[in-house]
C-alpha atoms as a PDB file:
ATOM      1  CA  MET A   1      17.344  17.019 -10.311  1.00  0.00           C
ATOM      2  CA  GLU A   2      16.934  15.276 -13.662  1.00  0.00           C
ATOM      3  CA  ILE A   3      14.456  12.163 -14.206  1.00  0.00           C
ATOM      4  CA  THR A   4      13.141  10.455 -16.987  1.00  0.00           C
ATOM      5  CA  LEU A   5       9.204  10.383 -17.162  1.00  0.00           C
ATOM      6  CA  ASN A   6       7.701   8.234 -19.731  1.00  0.00           C
ATOM      7  CA  GLY A   7      10.576   8.222 -21.940  1.00  0.00           C
ATOM      8  CA  GLN A   8      11.574  11.811 -21.735  1.00  0.00           C
ATOM      9  CA  VAL A   9      14.121  13.748 -19.826  1.00  0.00           C
ATOM     10  CA  ARG A  10      12.724  16.386 -17.502  1.00  0.00           C
ATOM     11  CA  ASN A  11      14.393  18.542 -14.836  1.00  0.00           C
ATOM     12  CA  LEU A  12      12.720  19.207 -11.643  1.00  0.00           C
ATOM     13  CA  VAL A  13      13.324  22.255  -9.676  1.00  0.00           C
ATOM     14  CA  LYS A  14      11.540  20.837  -6.366  1.00  0.00           C
ATOM     15  CA  SER A  15      13.798  18.218  -4.351  1.00  0.00           C
ATOM     16  CA  PRO A  16      13.113  16.131  -2.585  1.00  0.00           C
ATOM     17  CA  VAL A  17       9.549  15.310  -4.104  1.00  0.00           C
ATOM     18  CA  SER A  18       7.263  12.588  -3.123  1.00  0.00           C
ATOM     19  CA  VAL A  19       5.436  10.526  -5.988  1.00  0.00           C
ATOM     20  CA  HIS A  20       2.168  12.067  -4.562  1.00  0.00           C
ATOM     21  CA  ASP A  21       3.541  15.673  -4.902  1.00  0.00           C
ATOM     22  CA  PHE A  22       4.969  14.958  -8.442  1.00  0.00           C
ATOM     23  CA  VAL A  23       1.800  13.363  -9.782  1.00  0.00           C
ATOM     24  CA  ALA A  24      -0.230  16.339  -8.305  1.00  0.00           C
ATOM     25  CA  SER A  25       1.942  18.609 -10.285  1.00  0.00           C
ATOM     26  CA  LEU A  26       1.388  17.042 -13.519  1.00  0.00           C
ATOM     27  CA  ASP A  27      -1.926  18.605 -13.709  1.00  0.00           C
ATOM     28  CA  ILE A  28      -3.711  15.301 -15.015  1.00  0.00           C
ATOM     29  CA  GLY A  29      -6.850  15.907 -13.343  1.00  0.00           C
ATOM     30  CA  GLU A  30      -8.313  13.586 -10.564  1.00  0.00           C
ATOM     31  CA  ALA A  31      -8.346  10.072 -12.785  1.00  0.00           C
ATOM     32  CA  PRO A  32      -6.566   7.248 -11.099  1.00  0.00           C
ATOM     33  CA  VAL A  33      -2.778   6.726 -12.364  1.00  0.00           C
ATOM     34  CA  LEU A  34      -0.526   3.769 -12.180  1.00  0.00           C
ATOM     35  CA  VAL A  35       3.012   4.507 -11.246  1.00  0.00           C
ATOM     36  CA  GLU A  36       6.070   2.936 -11.918  1.00  0.00           C
ATOM     37  CA  LEU A  37       9.644   3.930 -10.323  1.00  0.00           C
ATOM     38  CA  ASN A  38      12.644   2.566 -11.517  1.00  0.00           C
ATOM     39  CA  GLY A  39      10.817  -0.381 -12.996  1.00  0.00           C
ATOM     40  CA  GLU A  40       8.986  -0.985  -9.834  1.00  0.00           C
ATOM     41  CA  ALA A  41       5.002  -0.312  -9.323  1.00  0.00           C
ATOM     42  CA  VAL A  42       4.191   1.964  -6.691  1.00  0.00           C
ATOM     43  CA  LEU A  43       1.100   1.430  -4.549  1.00  0.00           C
ATOM     44  CA  THR A  44      -1.161   4.280  -4.253  1.00  0.00           C
ATOM     45  CA  ARG A  45      -1.033   4.206  -0.451  1.00  0.00           C
ATOM     46  CA  GLU A  46       2.848   4.499  -0.831  1.00  0.00           C
ATOM     47  CA  PHE A  47       2.607   7.473  -3.056  1.00  0.00           C
ATOM     48  CA  SER A  48       3.327   9.995   0.039  1.00  0.00           C
ATOM     49  CA  GLU A  49       6.123   7.911   1.132  1.00  0.00           C
ATOM     50  CA  ARG A  50       8.237   7.128  -1.970  1.00  0.00           C
ATOM     51  CA  ILE A  51      10.642   9.905  -2.761  1.00  0.00           C
ATOM     52  CA  ILE A  52      11.871  10.504  -6.251  1.00  0.00           C
ATOM     53  CA  SER A  53      15.564  10.989  -6.379  1.00  0.00           C
ATOM     54  CA  ASP A  54      17.862  12.265  -9.222  1.00  0.00           C
ATOM     55  CA  GLY A  55      18.157  10.118 -11.947  1.00  0.00           C
ATOM     56  CA  ASP A  56      14.884   8.131 -11.508  1.00  0.00           C
ATOM     57  CA  VAL A  57      13.091   6.825 -14.292  1.00  0.00           C
ATOM     58  CA  ILE A  58       9.065   7.243 -13.646  1.00  0.00           C
ATOM     59  CA  GLU A  59       6.380   5.749 -15.933  1.00  0.00           C
ATOM     60  CA  VAL A  60       3.025   7.377 -15.229  1.00  0.00           C
ATOM     61  CA  ILE A  61      -0.093   5.946 -16.759  1.00  0.00           C
ATOM     62  CA  ARG A  62      -3.454   7.622 -16.422  1.00  0.00           C
ATOM     63  CA  MET A  63      -6.305   5.163 -16.467  1.00  0.00           C
ATOM     64  CA  VAL A  64      -9.371   6.119 -18.456  1.00  0.00           C
ATOM     65  CA  ALA A  65     -12.504   4.304 -19.357  1.00  0.00           C
ATOM     66  CA  GLY A  66     -14.298   4.218 -22.622  1.00  0.00           C
ATOM     67  CA  GLY A  67     -16.229   2.317 -24.717  1.00  0.00           C
END
């Protein structure tokens, strides 16, 4: 399955995959993230229900605090 993540094309071996499992596979730690799937914001409570399909465009933004 081919998707676009943050502007870069990637191939996923596992299909279907939920947004939750996909984000967990990114190994970005426990920091909260914002996810957009095909231009639509995905609420955190929907991560387990939303399924990523071939050709989807995903933006994942990791929230970090700083000062």
